Amino acid sequence: MVEPCKTITGTITLVRKEEDGDYHIDMALDPPYAGLVNEKNISEQHGDLVVEIVPADEPGCTPGPAPRPATGTYDYGICTGANIPRPKVGQHVMVTGPYVVDTAHGWMEIHPVWALSLVED
């Protein structure tokens, strides 16, 4: 954990569903936030910051139960009903969540996303 709550803006360059149920989203940061990426973001994420929406916050989840059964060592959590929308490539968005180092990969992330909204240009 680098900062418990951070709000940033940028443009979505990639959206893909991961095996663990998270949506991995690459975001080209607006100039005021460009310093939030590290060398791993530059070498492995095309210079983008990674933001991730977790299963418990995805649209269609009924608040309270688990979004799907736990498998292996992965606990999908309890559905929050937050309905965080999945952005589309090219959208300019504002994202809020914990700013962290993904210790498995070494790059910087907002994970999990607590809020995501379109930015009016």
PDB file of N, CA and C in Angstrom:
ATOM      1  N   MET A   1       0.853  -1.169   0.000  1.00  0.00           N
ATOM      2  CA  MET A   1       0.000   0.000   0.000  1.00  0.00           C
ATOM      3  C   MET A   1       0.902   1.237   0.000  1.00  0.00           C
ATOM      4  N   VAL A   2       0.697   2.081  -1.004  1.00  0.00           N
ATOM      5  CA  VAL A   2       1.432   3.338  -1.086  1.00  0.00           C
ATOM      6  C   VAL A   2       0.556   4.467  -0.561  1.00  0.00           C
ATOM      7  N   GLU A   3      -0.701   4.524  -1.022  1.00  0.00           N
ATOM      8  CA  GLU A   3      -1.690   5.482  -0.529  1.00  0.00           C
ATOM      9  C   GLU A   3      -3.019   4.756  -0.407  1.00  0.00           C
ATOM     10  N   PRO A   4      -3.714   4.894   0.724  1.00  0.00           N
ATOM     11  CA  PRO A   4      -4.963   4.153   0.909  1.00  0.00           C
ATOM     12  C   PRO A   4      -6.090   4.603  -0.011  1.00  0.00           C
ATOM     13  N   CYS A   5      -6.037   5.836  -0.504  1.00  0.00           N
ATOM     14  CA  CYS A   5      -7.077   6.313  -1.411  1.00  0.00           C
ATOM     15  C   CYS A   5      -6.476   7.346  -2.355  1.00  0.00           C
ATOM     16  N   LYS A   6      -6.604   7.091  -3.648  1.00  0.00           N
ATOM     17  CA  LYS A   6      -6.041   7.976  -4.667  1.00  0.00           C
ATOM     18  C   LYS A   6      -7.058   8.118  -5.798  1.00  0.00           C
ATOM     19  N   THR A   7      -7.237   9.328  -6.291  1.00  0.00           N
ATOM     20  CA  THR A   7      -8.095   9.580  -7.451  1.00  0.00           C
ATOM     21  C   THR A   7      -7.217  10.087  -8.584  1.00  0.00           C
ATOM     22  N   ILE A   8      -7.384   9.479  -9.764  1.00  0.00           N
ATOM     23  CA  ILE A   8      -6.572   9.815 -10.932  1.00  0.00           C
ATOM     24  C   ILE A   8      -7.463   9.906 -12.159  1.00  0.00           C
ATOM     25  N   THR A   9      -6.927  10.485 -13.229  1.00  0.00           N
ATOM     26  CA  THR A   9      -7.633  10.498 -14.504  1.00  0.00           C
ATOM     27  C   THR A   9      -6.693  10.045 -15.609  1.00  0.00           C
ATOM     28  N   GLY A  10      -7.290   9.515 -16.670  1.00  0.00           N
ATOM     29  CA  GLY A  10      -6.521   9.068 -17.814  1.00  0.00           C
ATOM     30  C   GLY A  10      -7.412   8.411 -18.840  1.00  0.00           C
ATOM     31  N   THR A  11      -6.777   7.850 -19.870  1.00  0.00           N
ATOM     32  CA  THR A  11      -7.492   7.237 -20.982  1.00  0.00           C
ATOM     33  C   THR A  11      -7.243   5.733 -21.000  1.00  0.00           C
ATOM     34  N   ILE A  12      -8.304   4.962 -21.172  1.00  0.00           N
ATOM     35  CA  ILE A  12      -8.231   3.499 -21.165  1.00  0.00           C
ATOM     36  C   ILE A  12      -7.591   3.011 -22.464  1.00  0.00           C
ATOM     37  N   THR A  13      -6.565   2.148 -22.324  1.00  0.00           N
ATOM     38  CA  THR A  13      -5.887   1.597 -23.497  1.00  0.00           C
ATOM     39  C   THR A  13      -6.104   0.097 -23.656  1.00  0.00           C
ATOM     40  N   LEU A  14      -6.560  -0.594 -22.586  1.00  0.00           N
ATOM     41  CA  LEU A  14      -6.769  -2.038 -22.645  1.00  0.00           C
ATOM     42  C   LEU A  14      -7.725  -2.457 -21.544  1.00  0.00           C
ATOM     43  N   VAL A  15      -8.613  -3.410 -21.843  1.00  0.00           N
ATOM     44  CA  VAL A  15      -9.488  -4.023 -20.837  1.00  0.00           C
ATOM     45  C   VAL A  15      -9.506  -5.515 -21.123  1.00  0.00           C
ATOM     46  N   ARG A  16      -9.162  -6.332 -20.096  1.00  0.00           N
ATOM     47  CA  ARG A  16      -9.250  -7.781 -20.286  1.00  0.00           C
ATOM     48  C   ARG A  16      -9.628  -8.450 -18.969  1.00  0.00           C
ATOM     49  N   LYS A  17     -10.339  -9.559 -19.090  1.00  0.00           N
ATOM     50  CA  LYS A  17     -10.732 -10.333 -17.914  1.00  0.00           C
ATOM     51  C   LYS A  17      -9.619 -11.311 -17.577  1.00  0.00           C
ATOM     52  N   GLU A  18      -9.231 -11.329 -16.297  1.00  0.00           N
ATOM     53  CA  GLU A  18      -8.184 -12.219 -15.809  1.00  0.00           C
ATOM     54  C   GLU A  18      -8.800 -13.529 -15.311  1.00  0.00           C
ATOM     55  N   GLU A  19      -7.963 -14.573 -15.186  1.00  0.00           N
ATOM     56  CA  GLU A  19      -8.432 -15.864 -14.689  1.00  0.00           C
ATOM     57  C   GLU A  19      -9.007 -15.774 -13.287  1.00  0.00           C
ATOM     58  N   ASP A  20      -8.520 -14.825 -12.472  1.00  0.00           N
ATOM     59  CA  ASP A  20      -9.012 -14.695 -11.097  1.00  0.00           C
ATOM     60  C   ASP A  20     -10.322 -13.915 -11.016  1.00  0.00           C
ATOM     61  N   GLY A  21     -10.886 -13.499 -12.166  1.00  0.00           N
ATOM     62  CA  GLY A  21     -12.156 -12.786 -12.171  1.00  0.00           C
ATOM     63  C   GLY A  21     -12.017 -11.281 -12.206  1.00  0.00           C
ATOM     64  N   ASP A  22     -10.806 -10.756 -11.922  1.00  0.00           N
ATOM     65  CA  ASP A  22     -10.583  -9.307 -11.990  1.00  0.00           C
ATOM     66  C   ASP A  22     -10.613  -8.842 -13.443  1.00  0.00           C
ATOM     67  N   TYR A  23     -10.987  -7.589 -13.635  1.00  0.00           N
ATOM     68  CA  TYR A  23     -10.786  -6.937 -14.925  1.00  0.00           C
ATOM     69  C   TYR A  23      -9.504  -6.132 -14.831  1.00  0.00           C
ATOM     70  N   HIS A  24      -8.523  -6.475 -15.660  1.00  0.00           N
ATOM     71  CA  HIS A  24      -7.231  -5.786 -15.736  1.00  0.00           C
ATOM     72  C   HIS A  24      -7.404  -4.681 -16.773  1.00  0.00           C
ATOM     73  N   ILE A  25      -7.173  -3.450 -16.357  1.00  0.00           N
ATOM     74  CA  ILE A  25      -7.372  -2.289 -17.217  1.00  0.00           C
ATOM     75  C   ILE A  25      -6.086  -1.477 -17.232  1.00  0.00           C
ATOM     76  N   ASP A  26      -5.598  -1.183 -18.426  1.00  0.00           N
ATOM     77  CA  ASP A  26      -4.428  -0.307 -18.564  1.00  0.00           C
ATOM     78  C   ASP A  26      -4.927   1.095 -18.860  1.00  0.00           C
ATOM     79  N   MET A  27      -4.311   2.062 -18.191  1.00  0.00           N
ATOM     80  CA  MET A  27      -4.764   3.443 -18.271  1.00  0.00           C
ATOM     81  C   MET A  27      -3.570   4.358 -18.515  1.00  0.00           C
ATOM     82  N   ALA A  28      -3.599   5.081 -19.642  1.00  0.00           N
ATOM     83  CA  ALA A  28      -2.587   6.100 -19.925  1.00  0.00           C
ATOM     84  C   ALA A  28      -2.958   7.324 -19.095  1.00  0.00           C
ATOM     85  N   LEU A  29      -2.110   7.664 -18.160  1.00  0.00           N
ATOM     86  CA  LEU A  29      -2.422   8.716 -17.197  1.00  0.00           C
ATOM     87  C   LEU A  29      -2.342  10.109 -17.807  1.00  0.00           C
ATOM     88  N   ASP A  30      -3.217  10.989 -17.327  1.00  0.00           N
ATOM     89  CA  ASP A  30      -3.130  12.398 -17.685  1.00  0.00           C
ATOM     90  C   ASP A  30      -1.847  12.966 -17.089  1.00  0.00           C
ATOM     91  N   PRO A  31      -1.303  14.040 -17.676  1.00  0.00           N
ATOM     92  CA  PRO A  31      -0.002  14.576 -17.245  1.00  0.00           C
ATOM     93  C   PRO A  31       0.181  14.787 -15.740  1.00  0.00           C
ATOM     94  N   PRO A  32      -0.824  15.260 -15.000  1.00  0.00           N
ATOM     95  CA  PRO A  32      -0.573  15.457 -13.557  1.00  0.00           C
ATOM     96  C   PRO A  32      -0.257  14.163 -12.790  1.00  0.00           C
ATOM     97  N   TYR A  33      -0.587  13.007 -13.376  1.00  0.00           N
ATOM     98  CA  TYR A  33      -0.412  11.723 -12.685  1.00  0.00           C
ATOM     99  C   TYR A  33       0.681  10.861 -13.310  1.00  0.00           C
ATOM    100  N   ALA A  34       1.382  11.370 -14.301  1.00  0.00           N
ATOM    101  CA  ALA A  34       2.376  10.585 -15.043  1.00  0.00           C
ATOM    102  C   ALA A  34       3.446   9.981 -14.147  1.00  0.00           C
ATOM    103  N   GLY A  35       3.755  10.599 -13.028  1.00  0.00           N
ATOM    104  CA  GLY A  35       4.781  10.103 -12.116  1.00  0.00           C
ATOM    105  C   GLY A  35       4.351   8.921 -11.269  1.00  0.00           C
ATOM    106  N   LEU A  36       3.127   8.441 -11.431  1.00  0.00           N
ATOM    107  CA  LEU A  36       2.641   7.326 -10.617  1.00  0.00           C
ATOM    108  C   LEU A  36       3.054   5.955 -11.152  1.00  0.00           C
ATOM    109  N   VAL A  37       3.649   5.916 -12.343  1.00  0.00           N
ATOM    110  CA  VAL A  37       4.107   4.629 -12.882  1.00  0.00           C
ATOM    111  C   VAL A  37       5.575   4.414 -12.527  1.00  0.00           C
ATOM    112  N   ASN A  38       5.986   3.141 -12.516  1.00  0.00           N
ATOM    113  CA  ASN A  38       7.390   2.825 -12.251  1.00  0.00           C
ATOM    114  C   ASN A  38       7.993   2.112 -13.473  1.00  0.00           C
ATOM    115  N   GLU A  39       9.205   1.630 -13.345  1.00  0.00           N
ATOM    116  CA  GLU A  39       9.892   0.983 -14.471  1.00  0.00           C
ATOM    117  C   GLU A  39       9.150  -0.252 -14.984  1.00  0.00           C
ATOM    118  N   LYS A  40       8.512  -1.007 -14.087  1.00  0.00           N
ATOM    119  CA  LYS A  40       7.755  -2.196 -14.511  1.00  0.00           C
ATOM    120  C   LYS A  40       6.528  -1.786 -15.320  1.00  0.00           C
ATOM    121  N   ASN A  41       5.868  -0.690 -14.924  1.00  0.00           N
ATOM    122  CA  ASN A  41       4.751  -0.198 -15.737  1.00  0.00           C
ATOM    123  C   ASN A  41       5.253   0.163 -17.133  1.00  0.00           C
ATOM    124  N   ILE A  42       6.426   0.787 -17.178  1.00  0.00           N
ATOM    125  CA  ILE A  42       6.979   1.223 -18.462  1.00  0.00           C
ATOM    126  C   ILE A  42       7.375   0.017 -19.317  1.00  0.00           C
ATOM    127  N   SER A  43       8.065  -0.951 -18.732  1.00  0.00           N
ATOM    128  CA  SER A  43       8.564  -2.081 -19.516  1.00  0.00           C
ATOM    129  C   SER A  43       7.518  -3.153 -19.802  1.00  0.00           C
ATOM    130  N   GLU A  44       6.519  -3.318 -18.913  1.00  0.00           N
ATOM    131  CA  GLU A  44       5.578  -4.424 -19.067  1.00  0.00           C
ATOM    132  C   GLU A  44       4.130  -3.997 -19.305  1.00  0.00           C
ATOM    133  N   GLN A  45       3.823  -2.717 -19.115  1.00  0.00           N
ATOM    134  CA  GLN A  45       2.443  -2.237 -19.290  1.00  0.00           C
ATOM    135  C   GLN A  45       2.387  -1.041 -20.242  1.00  0.00           C
ATOM    136  N   HIS A  46       3.368  -0.922 -21.116  1.00  0.00           N
ATOM    137  CA  HIS A  46       3.404   0.148 -22.132  1.00  0.00           C
ATOM    138  C   HIS A  46       3.376   1.537 -21.508  1.00  0.00           C
ATOM    139  N   GLY A  47       3.865   1.649 -20.264  1.00  0.00           N
ATOM    140  CA  GLY A  47       3.881   2.932 -19.572  1.00  0.00           C
ATOM    141  C   GLY A  47       2.580   3.286 -18.889  1.00  0.00           C
ATOM    142  N   ASP A  48       1.611   2.390 -18.950  1.00  0.00           N
ATOM    143  CA  ASP A  48       0.292   2.656 -18.364  1.00  0.00           C
ATOM    144  C   ASP A  48       0.229   2.210 -16.907  1.00  0.00           C
ATOM    145  N   LEU A  49      -0.684   2.825 -16.162  1.00  0.00           N
ATOM    146  CA  LEU A  49      -0.997   2.369 -14.812  1.00  0.00           C
ATOM    147  C   LEU A  49      -2.038   1.268 -14.934  1.00  0.00           C
ATOM    148  N   VAL A  50      -1.911   0.232 -14.127  1.00  0.00           N
ATOM    149  CA  VAL A  50      -2.893  -0.849 -14.090  1.00  0.00           C
ATOM    150  C   VAL A  50      -3.962  -0.477 -13.073  1.00  0.00           C
ATOM    151  N   VAL A  51      -5.229  -0.628 -13.457  1.00  0.00           N
ATOM    152  CA  VAL A  51      -6.338  -0.496 -12.513  1.00  0.00           C
ATOM    153  C   VAL A  51      -7.154  -1.784 -12.616  1.00  0.00           C
ATOM    154  N   GLU A  52      -7.656  -2.270 -11.489  1.00  0.00           N
ATOM    155  CA  GLU A  52      -8.367  -3.541 -11.509  1.00  0.00           C
ATOM    156  C   GLU A  52      -9.701  -3.454 -10.776  1.00  0.00           C
ATOM    157  N   ILE A  53     -10.724  -3.969 -11.468  1.00  0.00           N
ATOM    158  CA  ILE A  53     -12.056  -4.117 -10.887  1.00  0.00           C
ATOM    159  C   ILE A  53     -12.171  -5.563 -10.442  1.00  0.00           C
ATOM    160  N   VAL A  54     -12.523  -5.779  -9.185  1.00  0.00           N
ATOM    161  CA  VAL A  54     -12.590  -7.131  -8.624  1.00  0.00           C
ATOM    162  C   VAL A  54     -14.003  -7.691  -8.741  1.00  0.00           C
ATOM    163  N   PRO A  55     -14.163  -9.038  -8.728  1.00  0.00           N
ATOM    164  CA  PRO A  55     -15.473  -9.652  -8.932  1.00  0.00           C
ATOM    165  C   PRO A  55     -16.557  -9.137  -7.995  1.00  0.00           C
ATOM    166  N   ALA A  56     -16.216  -8.874  -6.743  1.00  0.00           N
ATOM    167  CA  ALA A  56     -17.229  -8.443  -5.777  1.00  0.00           C
ATOM    168  C   ALA A  56     -17.831  -7.083  -6.108  1.00  0.00           C
ATOM    169  N   ASP A  57     -17.177  -6.310  -6.976  1.00  0.00           N
ATOM    170  CA  ASP A  57     -17.655  -4.973  -7.333  1.00  0.00           C
ATOM    171  C   ASP A  57     -18.217  -4.899  -8.749  1.00  0.00           C
ATOM    172  N   GLU A  58     -18.183  -6.009  -9.485  1.00  0.00           N
ATOM    173  CA  GLU A  58     -18.599  -5.993 -10.879  1.00  0.00           C
ATOM    174  C   GLU A  58     -20.119  -5.877 -11.009  1.00  0.00           C
ATOM    175  N   PRO A  59     -20.600  -5.298 -12.127  1.00  0.00           N
ATOM    176  CA  PRO A  59     -22.037  -5.156 -12.347  1.00  0.00           C
ATOM    177  C   PRO A  59     -22.756  -6.501 -12.309  1.00  0.00           C
ATOM    178  N   GLY A  60     -23.984  -6.485 -11.803  1.00  0.00           N
ATOM    179  CA  GLY A  60     -24.810  -7.686 -11.769  1.00  0.00           C
ATOM    180  C   GLY A  60     -24.646  -8.519 -10.524  1.00  0.00           C
ATOM    181  N   CYS A  61     -23.746  -8.154  -9.647  1.00  0.00           N
ATOM    182  CA  CYS A  61     -23.520  -8.893  -8.413  1.00  0.00           C
ATOM    183  C   CYS A  61     -24.628  -8.545  -7.411  1.00  0.00           C
ATOM    184  N   THR A  62     -25.252  -9.576  -6.819  1.00  0.00           N
ATOM    185  CA  THR A  62     -26.287  -9.344  -5.811  1.00  0.00           C
ATOM    186  C   THR A  62     -25.610  -9.078  -4.473  1.00  0.00           C
ATOM    187  N   PRO A  63     -25.819  -7.891  -3.883  1.00  0.00           N
ATOM    188  CA  PRO A  63     -25.131  -7.572  -2.632  1.00  0.00           C
ATOM    189  C   PRO A  63     -25.320  -8.654  -1.571  1.00  0.00           C
ATOM    190  N   GLY A  64     -24.219  -8.996  -0.928  1.00  0.00           N
ATOM    191  CA  GLY A  64     -24.258  -9.961   0.165  1.00  0.00           C
ATOM    192  C   GLY A  64     -23.572 -11.271  -0.146  1.00  0.00           C
ATOM    193  N   PRO A  65     -24.071 -12.051  -1.139  1.00  0.00           N
ATOM    194  CA  PRO A  65     -23.421 -13.342  -1.390  1.00  0.00           C
ATOM    195  C   PRO A  65     -22.096 -13.186  -2.129  1.00  0.00           C
ATOM    196  N   ALA A  66     -21.345 -14.263  -2.161  1.00  0.00           N
ATOM    197  CA  ALA A  66     -20.111 -14.259  -2.953  1.00  0.00           C
ATOM    198  C   ALA A  66     -20.485 -14.167  -4.428  1.00  0.00           C
ATOM    199  N   PRO A  67     -19.688 -13.438  -5.253  1.00  0.00           N
ATOM    200  CA  PRO A  67     -20.012 -13.330  -6.665  1.00  0.00           C
ATOM    201  C   PRO A  67     -19.943 -14.672  -7.389  1.00  0.00           C
ATOM    202  N   ARG A  68     -19.105 -15.574  -6.906  1.00  0.00           N
ATOM    203  CA  ARG A  68     -19.033 -16.951  -7.393  1.00  0.00           C
ATOM    204  C   ARG A  68     -18.246 -17.748  -6.369  1.00  0.00           C
ATOM    205  N   PRO A  69     -18.332 -19.073  -6.409  1.00  0.00           N
ATOM    206  CA  PRO A  69     -17.643 -19.872  -5.399  1.00  0.00           C
ATOM    207  C   PRO A  69     -16.121 -19.684  -5.440  1.00  0.00           C
ATOM    208  N   ALA A  70     -15.518 -19.687  -4.280  1.00  0.00           N
ATOM    209  CA  ALA A  70     -14.049 -19.617  -4.187  1.00  0.00           C
ATOM    210  C   ALA A  70     -13.452 -20.840  -4.867  1.00  0.00           C
ATOM    211  N   THR A  71     -12.297 -20.644  -5.513  1.00  0.00           N
ATOM    212  CA  THR A  71     -11.607 -21.773  -6.143  1.00  0.00           C
ATOM    213  C   THR A  71     -10.145 -21.729  -5.742  1.00  0.00           C
ATOM    214  N   GLY A  72      -9.581 -22.891  -5.499  1.00  0.00           N
ATOM    215  CA  GLY A  72      -8.173 -22.958  -5.115  1.00  0.00           C
ATOM    216  C   GLY A  72      -7.907 -22.076  -3.917  1.00  0.00           C
ATOM    217  N   THR A  73      -6.967 -21.161  -4.061  1.00  0.00           N
ATOM    218  CA  THR A  73      -6.621 -20.263  -2.959  1.00  0.00           C
ATOM    219  C   THR A  73      -7.251 -18.883  -3.135  1.00  0.00           C
ATOM    220  N   TYR A  74      -8.112 -18.707  -4.160  1.00  0.00           N
ATOM    221  CA  TYR A  74      -8.657 -17.379  -4.413  1.00  0.00           C
ATOM    222  C   TYR A  74     -10.043 -17.235  -3.827  1.00  0.00           C
ATOM    223  N   ASP A  75     -10.214 -16.241  -2.952  1.00  0.00           N
ATOM    224  CA  ASP A  75     -11.499 -15.907  -2.348  1.00  0.00           C
ATOM    225  C   ASP A  75     -12.027 -14.689  -3.080  1.00  0.00           C
ATOM    226  N   TYR A  76     -13.160 -14.818  -3.748  1.00  0.00           N
ATOM    227  CA  TYR A  76     -13.713 -13.717  -4.544  1.00  0.00           C
ATOM    228  C   TYR A  76     -14.403 -12.662  -3.697  1.00  0.00           C
ATOM    229  N   GLY A  77     -14.484 -12.876  -2.389  1.00  0.00           N
ATOM    230  CA  GLY A  77     -15.073 -11.877  -1.509  1.00  0.00           C
ATOM    231  C   GLY A  77     -16.586 -11.951  -1.476  1.00  0.00           C
ATOM    232  N   ILE A  78     -17.167 -10.980  -0.829  1.00  0.00           N
ATOM    233  CA  ILE A  78     -18.617 -10.855  -0.736  1.00  0.00           C
ATOM    234  C   ILE A  78     -19.035  -9.700  -1.629  1.00  0.00           C
ATOM    235  N   CYS A  79     -20.049  -9.931  -2.421  1.00  0.00           N
ATOM    236  CA  CYS A  79     -20.495  -8.911  -3.357  1.00  0.00           C
ATOM    237  C   CYS A  79     -20.871  -7.621  -2.635  1.00  0.00           C
ATOM    238  N   THR A  80     -20.301  -6.517  -3.095  1.00  0.00           N
ATOM    239  CA  THR A  80     -20.609  -5.211  -2.504  1.00  0.00           C
ATOM    240  C   THR A  80     -21.799  -4.546  -3.176  1.00  0.00           C
ATOM    241  N   GLY A  81     -22.102  -4.984  -4.399  1.00  0.00           N
ATOM    242  CA  GLY A  81     -23.152  -4.317  -5.153  1.00  0.00           C
ATOM    243  C   GLY A  81     -22.726  -2.957  -5.676  1.00  0.00           C
ATOM    244  N   ALA A  82     -21.403  -2.698  -5.703  1.00  0.00           N
ATOM    245  CA  ALA A  82     -20.904  -1.393  -6.126  1.00  0.00           C
ATOM    246  C   ALA A  82     -21.148  -1.125  -7.604  1.00  0.00           C
ATOM    247  N   ASN A  83     -21.290  -2.192  -8.405  1.00  0.00           N
ATOM    248  CA  ASN A  83     -21.562  -2.046  -9.838  1.00  0.00           C
ATOM    249  C   ASN A  83     -20.577  -1.118 -10.540  1.00  0.00           C
ATOM    250  N   ILE A  84     -19.293  -1.354 -10.330  1.00  0.00           N
ATOM    251  CA  ILE A  84     -18.268  -0.562 -11.000  1.00  0.00           C
ATOM    252  C   ILE A  84     -18.335  -0.880 -12.499  1.00  0.00           C
ATOM    253  N   PRO A  85     -18.587   0.107 -13.350  1.00  0.00           N
ATOM    254  CA  PRO A  85     -18.712  -0.181 -14.790  1.00  0.00           C
ATOM    255  C   PRO A  85     -17.365  -0.519 -15.410  1.00  0.00           C
ATOM    256  N   ARG A  86     -17.385  -1.424 -16.373  1.00  0.00           N
ATOM    257  CA  ARG A  86     -16.173  -1.718 -17.136  1.00  0.00           C
ATOM    258  C   ARG A  86     -16.053  -0.657 -18.222  1.00  0.00           C
ATOM    259  N   PRO A  87     -14.948   0.079 -18.228  1.00  0.00           N
ATOM    260  CA  PRO A  87     -14.791   1.116 -19.250  1.00  0.00           C
ATOM    261  C   PRO A  87     -14.431   0.494 -20.596  1.00  0.00           C
ATOM    262  N   LYS A  88     -14.527   1.305 -21.622  1.00  0.00           N
ATOM    263  CA  LYS A  88     -14.145   0.877 -22.965  1.00  0.00           C
ATOM    264  C   LYS A  88     -12.828   1.551 -23.352  1.00  0.00           C
ATOM    265  N   VAL A  89     -12.076   0.877 -24.207  1.00  0.00           N
ATOM    266  CA  VAL A  89     -10.833   1.446 -24.722  1.00  0.00           C
ATOM    267  C   VAL A  89     -11.147   2.798 -25.373  1.00  0.00           C
ATOM    268  N   GLY A  90     -10.319   3.787 -25.036  1.00  0.00           N
ATOM    269  CA  GLY A  90     -10.486   5.131 -25.581  1.00  0.00           C
ATOM    270  C   GLY A  90     -11.241   6.084 -24.686  1.00  0.00           C
ATOM    271  N   GLN A  91     -11.943   5.555 -23.676  1.00  0.00           N
ATOM    272  CA  GLN A  91     -12.686   6.441 -22.779  1.00  0.00           C
ATOM    273  C   GLN A  91     -11.738   7.165 -21.824  1.00  0.00           C
ATOM    274  N   HIS A  92     -12.064   8.429 -21.557  1.00  0.00           N
ATOM    275  CA  HIS A  92     -11.328   9.241 -20.585  1.00  0.00           C
ATOM    276  C   HIS A  92     -12.085   9.110 -19.271  1.00  0.00           C
ATOM    277  N   VAL A  93     -11.425   8.603 -18.227  1.00  0.00           N
ATOM    278  CA  VAL A  93     -12.115   8.272 -16.983  1.00  0.00           C
ATOM    279  C   VAL A  93     -11.409   8.833 -15.754  1.00  0.00           C
ATOM    280  N   MET A  94     -12.169   8.879 -14.665  1.00  0.00           N
ATOM    281  CA  MET A  94     -11.643   9.172 -13.329  1.00  0.00           C
ATOM    282  C   MET A  94     -11.807   7.890 -12.511  1.00  0.00           C
ATOM    283  N   VAL A  95     -10.731   7.499 -11.811  1.00  0.00           N
ATOM    284  CA  VAL A  95     -10.710   6.267 -11.029  1.00  0.00           C
ATOM    285  C   VAL A  95     -10.266   6.591  -9.613  1.00  0.00           C
ATOM    286  N   THR A  96     -10.923   5.946  -8.630  1.00  0.00           N
ATOM    287  CA  THR A  96     -10.543   6.098  -7.224  1.00  0.00           C
ATOM    288  C   THR A  96     -10.358   4.717  -6.604  1.00  0.00           C
ATOM    289  N   GLY A  97      -9.303   4.578  -5.792  1.00  0.00           N
ATOM    290  CA  GLY A  97      -9.051   3.341  -5.069  1.00  0.00           C
ATOM    291  C   GLY A  97      -7.680   3.388  -4.436  1.00  0.00           C
ATOM    292  N   PRO A  98      -7.269   2.304  -3.760  1.00  0.00           N
ATOM    293  CA  PRO A  98      -5.945   2.254  -3.159  1.00  0.00           C
ATOM    294  C   PRO A  98      -4.849   2.209  -4.231  1.00  0.00           C
ATOM    295  N   TYR A  99      -3.811   3.008  -4.037  1.00  0.00           N
ATOM    296  CA  TYR A  99      -2.646   3.031  -4.926  1.00  0.00           C
ATOM    297  C   TYR A  99      -1.622   2.104  -4.303  1.00  0.00           C
ATOM    298  N   VAL A 100      -1.299   1.005  -5.022  1.00  0.00           N
ATOM    299  CA  VAL A 100      -0.488  -0.062  -4.448  1.00  0.00           C
ATOM    300  C   VAL A 100       0.594  -0.525  -5.418  1.00  0.00           C
ATOM    301  N   VAL A 101       1.577  -1.247  -4.878  1.00  0.00           N
ATOM    302  CA  VAL A 101       2.538  -1.985  -5.685  1.00  0.00           C
ATOM    303  C   VAL A 101       2.029  -3.411  -5.786  1.00  0.00           C
ATOM    304  N   ASP A 102       1.851  -3.926  -7.000  1.00  0.00           N
ATOM    305  CA  ASP A 102       1.524  -5.335  -7.189  1.00  0.00           C
ATOM    306  C   ASP A 102       2.819  -6.107  -6.962  1.00  0.00           C
ATOM    307  N   THR A 103       2.964  -6.703  -5.802  1.00  0.00           N
ATOM    308  CA  THR A 103       4.232  -7.337  -5.440  1.00  0.00           C
ATOM    309  C   THR A 103       4.528  -8.567  -6.289  1.00  0.00           C
ATOM    310  N   ALA A 104       3.517  -9.191  -6.890  1.00  0.00           N
ATOM    311  CA  ALA A 104       3.752 -10.349  -7.758  1.00  0.00           C
ATOM    312  C   ALA A 104       4.374  -9.934  -9.089  1.00  0.00           C
ATOM    313  N   HIS A 105       4.065  -8.703  -9.545  1.00  0.00           N
ATOM    314  CA  HIS A 105       4.548  -8.251 -10.847  1.00  0.00           C
ATOM    315  C   HIS A 105       5.516  -7.068 -10.766  1.00  0.00           C
ATOM    316  N   GLY A 106       5.417  -6.278  -9.704  1.00  0.00           N
ATOM    317  CA  GLY A 106       6.314  -5.147  -9.513  1.00  0.00           C
ATOM    318  C   GLY A 106       5.816  -3.830 -10.052  1.00  0.00           C
ATOM    319  N   TRP A 107       4.664  -3.809 -10.711  1.00  0.00           N
ATOM    320  CA  TRP A 107       4.151  -2.547 -11.232  1.00  0.00           C
ATOM    321  C   TRP A 107       3.174  -1.899 -10.268  1.00  0.00           C
ATOM    322  N   MET A 108       2.855  -0.640 -10.539  1.00  0.00           N
ATOM    323  CA  MET A 108       1.941   0.141  -9.707  1.00  0.00           C
ATOM    324  C   MET A 108       0.510  -0.037 -10.216  1.00  0.00           C
ATOM    325  N   GLU A 109      -0.446  -0.001  -9.269  1.00  0.00           N
ATOM    326  CA  GLU A 109      -1.854  -0.208  -9.603  1.00  0.00           C
ATOM    327  C   GLU A 109      -2.762   0.637  -8.717  1.00  0.00           C
ATOM    328  N   ILE A 110      -3.984   0.818  -9.196  1.00  0.00           N
ATOM    329  CA  ILE A 110      -5.125   1.150  -8.353  1.00  0.00           C
ATOM    330  C   ILE A 110      -5.893  -0.165  -8.260  1.00  0.00           C
ATOM    331  N   HIS A 111      -5.949  -0.732  -7.044  1.00  0.00           N
ATOM    332  CA  HIS A 111      -6.545  -2.065  -6.880  1.00  0.00           C
ATOM    333  C   HIS A 111      -7.015  -2.254  -5.446  1.00  0.00           C
ATOM    334  N   PRO A 112      -8.327  -2.433  -5.257  1.00  0.00           N
ATOM    335  CA  PRO A 112      -9.384  -2.470  -6.249  1.00  0.00           C
ATOM    336  C   PRO A 112      -9.912  -1.062  -6.568  1.00  0.00           C
ATOM    337  N   VAL A 113     -10.567  -0.953  -7.702  1.00  0.00           N
ATOM    338  CA  VAL A 113     -11.232   0.308  -8.057  1.00  0.00           C
ATOM    339  C   VAL A 113     -12.469   0.442  -7.179  1.00  0.00           C
ATOM    340  N   TRP A 114     -12.604   1.582  -6.508  1.00  0.00           N
ATOM    341  CA  TRP A 114     -13.791   1.844  -5.693  1.00  0.00           C
ATOM    342  C   TRP A 114     -14.815   2.686  -6.436  1.00  0.00           C
ATOM    343  N   ALA A 115     -14.356   3.492  -7.384  1.00  0.00           N
ATOM    344  CA  ALA A 115     -15.263   4.334  -8.178  1.00  0.00           C
ATOM    345  C   ALA A 115     -14.628   4.563  -9.532  1.00  0.00           C
ATOM    346  N   LEU A 116     -15.456   4.586 -10.573  1.00  0.00           N
ATOM    347  CA  LEU A 116     -14.993   4.857 -11.933  1.00  0.00           C
ATOM    348  C   LEU A 116     -16.093   5.626 -12.646  1.00  0.00           C
ATOM    349  N   SER A 117     -15.708   6.763 -13.229  1.00  0.00           N
ATOM    350  CA  SER A 117     -16.706   7.564 -13.957  1.00  0.00           C
ATOM    351  C   SER A 117     -16.049   8.192 -15.182  1.00  0.00           C
ATOM    352  N   LEU A 118     -16.875   8.501 -16.166  1.00  0.00           N
ATOM    353  CA  LEU A 118     -16.387   9.176 -17.371  1.00  0.00           C
ATOM    354  C   LEU A 118     -16.055  10.614 -17.041  1.00  0.00           C
ATOM    355  N   VAL A 119     -15.006  11.120 -17.686  1.00  0.00           N
ATOM    356  CA  VAL A 119     -14.618  12.522 -17.553  1.00  0.00           C
ATOM    357  C   VAL A 119     -15.145  13.267 -18.771  1.00  0.00           C
ATOM    358  N   GLU A 120     -15.846  14.347 -18.531  1.00  0.00           N
ATOM    359  CA  GLU A 120     -16.347  15.173 -19.629  1.00  0.00           C
ATOM    360  C   GLU A 120     -15.203  15.999 -20.169  1.00  0.00           C
ATOM    361  N   ASP A 121     -14.872  15.816 -21.441  1.00  0.00           N
ATOM    362  CA  ASP A 121     -13.781  16.576 -22.050  1.00  0.00           C
ATOM    363  C   ASP A 121     -14.266  17.906 -22.601  1.00  0.00           C
TER     364      ASP A 121
END
